Amino acid sequence: MQKNDDLIARARMAREAGRTADAVDFMRKVAAHGMLSQSEGELYAAAFKVAVKELLTACHLIDRFSDQKPHRAVAEEYIGKLQGEIRSLCRECRGVADVHAERETPSGEETVFWHRVSGDCSRLLAEVSVAFNRDAAASQAEVSYTAAGLAAASLSPAHPGRLATALNFSLFQAEILEDVARACFIAKGALDDAIDFAPALAQHHKSQAGRLLQDLQANILEWTALLQADVAVSEWKI
């Protein structure tokens, strides 16, 4: 469809130009025209994730003013507004992801992708939520990541889709559930499983898989150090 092609081209241009809001708007219009292919879905999800991350960065920067008594109320109000925008974007993206994840697809890779996107949206939603809403978002993320992991079993252990699922699920465990031991277990399992299969990957997957393996390794090192530090503190207290 020519109209979709034009919108996708504009979304790519907007993303390259740093016009995140425009990229989101263009891909929103593409999604309104029907089901997305995986390549279109990747552009759609990327636009929304960049928009959310920009808003999260803005929240962290504005939070500095909350320590200054004259500006505290204004800062908190502004952060609340930005968090509302984050929740809206996450719910919108998750809704599209869930519709695509439940359809029959010729590719297990697509199913893994959409379940992972749904999990990512819920993870980000949990990050800006409190109490019951945070617990609900975390529960939804767990369900989506688990579904992605089950679907990913049909892929090579070194496939980028399977590695990305393990990476994001482990980040969810560490950052949202604050279970560093579980995060380390998931990441290490994925890394160990992938090592022997990486050389046999198709060429177009190798560079992406390599980056994901590096990210997993870096996180494992960081989390292992945290766990060892916790053990040392516990032993010192005894």
Protein backbone atom coordinates (compact mmCIF):
# COMPACT_ATOMS: atom_id res chain seq x y z
CA MET A 1 0.00 0.00 0.00
CA GLN A 2 1.53 3.27 -1.19
CA LYS A 3 0.14 5.29 1.70
CA ASN A 4 1.76 2.95 4.24
CA ASP A 5 5.04 3.01 2.35
CA ASP A 6 5.07 6.80 2.51
CA LEU A 7 4.27 6.81 6.23
CA ILE A 8 7.01 4.26 6.96
CA ALA A 9 9.51 6.28 4.96
CA ARG A 10 8.56 9.40 6.90
CA ALA A 11 8.83 7.52 10.19
CA ARG A 12 12.36 6.40 9.31
CA MET A 13 13.31 9.97 8.35
CA ALA A 14 11.79 11.34 11.56
CA ARG A 15 13.70 8.82 13.64
CA GLU A 16 16.99 9.68 11.95
CA ALA A 17 16.28 13.39 12.44
CA GLY A 18 15.52 12.93 16.14
CA ARG A 19 11.84 13.81 15.66
CA THR A 20 10.58 11.05 17.95
CA ALA A 21 7.04 12.39 18.34
CA ASP A 22 6.65 12.51 14.55
CA ALA A 23 7.98 8.95 14.20
CA VAL A 24 5.43 7.73 16.76
CA ASP A 25 2.62 9.56 14.98
CA PHE A 26 3.54 8.14 11.56
CA MET A 27 3.77 4.56 12.88
CA ARG A 28 0.52 5.00 14.79
CA LYS A 29 -1.15 5.76 11.46
CA VAL A 30 0.47 2.71 9.85
CA ALA A 31 -0.85 0.49 12.66
CA ALA A 32 -4.34 1.95 12.20
CA HIS A 33 -4.38 0.60 8.64
CA GLY A 34 -4.09 -3.05 9.69
CA MET A 35 -1.70 -5.72 10.92
CA LEU A 36 2.01 -4.92 10.85
CA SER A 37 4.77 -7.03 9.38
CA GLN A 38 7.67 -7.78 11.71
CA SER A 39 9.87 -5.13 10.10
CA GLU A 40 7.06 -2.59 10.46
CA GLY A 41 6.52 -3.77 14.03
CA GLU A 42 10.17 -3.26 14.84
CA LEU A 43 9.96 0.33 13.61
CA TYR A 44 6.69 0.84 15.50
CA ALA A 45 8.07 -0.52 18.78
CA ALA A 46 11.36 1.34 18.42
CA ALA A 47 9.57 4.67 17.94
CA PHE A 48 7.45 4.15 21.06
CA LYS A 49 10.37 2.92 23.19
CA VAL A 50 12.53 5.91 22.24
CA ALA A 51 9.64 8.24 23.11
CA VAL A 52 9.21 6.58 26.50
CA LYS A 53 12.94 6.63 27.25
CA GLU A 54 13.11 10.34 26.40
CA LEU A 55 10.26 10.98 28.83
CA LEU A 56 11.95 8.88 31.52
CA THR A 57 15.16 10.85 31.06
CA ALA A 58 13.18 14.09 31.38
CA CYS A 59 11.62 12.80 34.62
CA HIS A 60 15.05 12.02 36.09
CA LEU A 61 16.37 15.47 35.15
CA ILE A 62 13.37 17.31 36.54
CA ASP A 63 13.52 15.21 39.72
CA ARG A 64 16.64 17.15 40.69
CA PHE A 65 14.43 20.17 41.36
CA SER A 66 12.32 18.20 43.85
CA ASP A 67 15.18 18.57 46.35
CA GLN A 68 14.82 22.33 46.17
CA LYS A 69 11.97 23.40 48.43
CA PRO A 70 10.76 26.38 46.34
CA HIS A 71 10.42 24.17 43.24
CA ARG A 72 9.38 20.84 44.78
CA ALA A 73 5.65 21.07 44.12
CA VAL A 74 6.14 22.27 40.53
CA ALA A 75 8.68 19.53 39.82
CA GLU A 76 6.44 16.81 41.23
CA GLU A 77 3.47 18.07 39.23
CA TYR A 78 5.52 18.16 36.02
CA ILE A 79 6.91 14.66 36.62
CA GLY A 80 3.36 13.43 37.20
CA LYS A 81 2.33 14.85 33.83
CA LEU A 82 5.26 13.16 32.05
CA GLN A 83 4.57 9.86 33.78
CA GLY A 84 0.99 10.08 32.56
CA GLU A 85 2.30 10.41 29.00
CA ILE A 86 4.56 7.39 29.56
CA ARG A 87 1.66 5.28 30.80
CA SER A 88 -0.44 6.30 27.81
CA LEU A 89 2.29 5.39 25.30
CA CYS A 90 3.03 2.07 27.02
CA ARG A 91 -0.62 1.03 27.07
CA GLU A 92 -1.10 1.99 23.44
CA CYS A 93 1.97 0.06 22.29
CA ARG A 94 1.11 -2.93 24.47
CA GLY A 95 -2.40 -3.05 23.01
CA VAL A 96 -1.00 -3.30 19.48
CA ALA A 97 1.59 -5.88 20.59
CA ASP A 98 -1.01 -8.08 22.29
CA VAL A 99 -3.24 -8.13 19.21
CA HIS A 100 -0.31 -9.20 17.04
CA ALA A 101 1.03 -11.72 19.58
CA GLU A 102 -2.25 -13.63 19.65
CA ARG A 103 -2.67 -14.01 15.90
CA GLU A 104 -1.45 -17.04 13.99
CA THR A 105 1.85 -16.27 12.28
CA PRO A 106 4.02 -18.27 9.91
CA SER A 107 7.05 -17.39 12.03
CA GLY A 108 7.81 -18.22 15.64
CA GLU A 109 10.16 -15.27 15.51
CA GLU A 110 7.23 -12.88 15.06
CA THR A 111 5.35 -14.36 18.00
CA VAL A 112 8.43 -14.02 20.20
CA PHE A 113 8.91 -10.43 19.09
CA TRP A 114 5.38 -9.27 19.88
CA HIS A 115 5.21 -11.01 23.27
CA ARG A 116 8.55 -9.40 24.14
CA VAL A 117 7.32 -5.95 23.09
CA SER A 118 4.24 -6.44 25.29
CA GLY A 119 6.52 -7.41 28.18
CA ASP A 120 8.74 -4.39 27.59
CA CYS A 121 5.74 -2.06 27.64
CA SER A 122 4.50 -3.55 30.91
CA ARG A 123 8.02 -3.34 32.39
CA LEU A 124 8.24 0.37 31.54
CA LEU A 125 4.70 0.88 32.83
CA ALA A 126 5.68 -0.71 36.14
CA GLU A 127 8.66 1.63 36.36
CA VAL A 128 6.38 4.68 36.58
CA SER A 129 3.59 3.11 38.64
CA VAL A 130 3.12 2.56 42.36
CA ALA A 131 1.36 0.11 44.67
CA PHE A 132 -1.40 -1.95 42.99
CA ASN A 133 -0.79 -0.49 39.52
CA ARG A 134 2.91 -1.38 39.71
CA ASP A 135 2.10 -4.93 40.82
CA ALA A 136 -0.45 -5.32 38.01
CA ALA A 137 2.00 -4.07 35.37
CA ALA A 138 4.75 -6.33 36.75
CA SER A 139 2.40 -9.32 36.63
CA GLN A 140 1.49 -8.55 33.01
CA ALA A 141 5.18 -8.24 32.12
CA GLU A 142 5.90 -11.63 33.71
CA VAL A 143 3.13 -13.25 31.67
CA SER A 144 4.31 -11.69 28.40
CA TYR A 145 7.99 -12.48 28.92
CA THR A 146 7.12 -16.05 29.88
CA ALA A 147 5.05 -16.41 26.70
CA ALA A 148 7.93 -14.99 24.68
CA GLY A 149 10.32 -17.44 26.30
CA LEU A 150 8.08 -20.41 25.53
CA ALA A 151 7.72 -19.33 21.90
CA ALA A 152 11.48 -18.71 21.68
CA ALA A 153 12.16 -22.38 22.45
CA SER A 154 11.56 -23.04 18.75
CA LEU A 155 14.48 -20.76 17.83
CA SER A 156 18.20 -21.44 18.04
CA PRO A 157 19.63 -20.61 21.50
CA ALA A 158 21.81 -18.03 19.76
CA HIS A 159 18.99 -16.44 17.74
CA PRO A 160 18.73 -12.67 18.43
CA GLY A 161 15.03 -12.97 19.25
CA ARG A 162 15.70 -15.59 21.92
CA LEU A 163 18.68 -13.69 23.35
CA ALA A 164 16.76 -10.38 23.43
CA THR A 165 13.93 -12.08 25.31
CA ALA A 166 16.34 -13.47 27.92
CA LEU A 167 18.08 -10.09 28.21
CA ASN A 168 14.88 -8.10 28.71
CA PHE A 169 13.35 -10.67 31.06
CA SER A 170 16.49 -10.64 33.20
CA LEU A 171 16.44 -6.82 33.30
CA PHE A 172 12.83 -7.00 34.43
CA GLN A 173 13.80 -9.36 37.25
CA ALA A 174 16.64 -7.10 38.40
CA GLU A 175 15.07 -3.66 37.96
CA ILE A 176 11.38 -4.19 38.69
CA LEU A 177 11.23 -7.28 40.92
CA GLU A 178 14.66 -6.50 42.43
CA ASP A 179 15.57 -10.19 42.23
CA VAL A 180 19.19 -9.96 41.11
CA ALA A 181 19.86 -13.66 41.72
CA ARG A 182 17.01 -14.66 39.39
CA ALA A 183 18.15 -12.11 36.80
CA CYS A 184 21.66 -13.52 36.89
CA PHE A 185 20.34 -17.08 36.57
CA ILE A 186 18.26 -16.23 33.48
CA ALA A 187 21.06 -14.27 31.79
CA LYS A 188 23.72 -16.91 32.52
CA GLY A 189 21.49 -19.70 31.28
CA ALA A 190 20.87 -17.88 28.00
CA LEU A 191 24.57 -17.09 27.57
CA ASP A 192 25.69 -20.65 28.29
CA ASP A 193 23.08 -22.13 25.93
CA ALA A 194 24.02 -19.77 23.09
CA ILE A 195 27.80 -20.16 23.05
CA ASP A 196 27.95 -23.41 21.06
CA PHE A 197 25.30 -22.30 18.55
CA ALA A 198 26.55 -18.78 17.74
CA PRO A 199 29.03 -19.84 15.01
CA ALA A 200 26.23 -21.54 13.04
CA LEU A 201 23.98 -18.47 12.93
CA ALA A 202 23.01 -16.93 9.62
CA GLN A 203 25.31 -14.04 8.75
CA HIS A 204 22.59 -11.38 9.06
CA HIS A 205 21.96 -12.47 12.66
CA LYS A 206 25.55 -12.69 13.86
CA SER A 207 26.27 -9.03 14.61
CA GLN A 208 23.00 -8.53 16.53
CA ALA A 209 23.53 -11.77 18.46
CA GLY A 210 27.07 -10.68 19.28
CA ARG A 211 25.86 -7.40 20.78
CA LEU A 212 23.21 -9.18 22.84
CA LEU A 213 25.74 -11.71 24.14
CA GLN A 214 27.99 -8.83 25.20
CA ASP A 215 25.08 -7.15 27.01
CA LEU A 216 24.23 -10.40 28.79
CA GLN A 217 27.86 -10.88 29.82
CA ALA A 218 28.15 -7.31 31.12
CA ASN A 219 24.98 -7.68 33.18
CA ILE A 220 26.08 -11.01 34.59
CA LEU A 221 29.36 -9.46 35.75
CA GLU A 222 27.54 -6.52 37.35
CA TRP A 223 24.92 -8.67 39.06
CA THR A 224 27.46 -11.24 40.24
CA ALA A 225 29.46 -8.44 41.87
CA LEU A 226 26.31 -7.19 43.62
CA LEU A 227 25.48 -10.67 44.89
CA GLN A 228 29.02 -11.18 46.16
CA ALA A 229 28.91 -7.80 47.89
CA ASP A 230 25.64 -8.75 49.59
CA VAL A 231 27.19 -12.00 50.81
CA ALA A 232 30.22 -10.14 52.14
CA VAL A 233 27.98 -7.68 54.02
CA SER A 234 25.95 -10.54 55.49
CA GLU A 235 29.06 -12.37 56.65
CA TRP A 236 30.46 -9.16 58.18
CA LYS A 237 27.24 -8.64 60.15
CA ILE A 238 27.44 -12.17 61.52
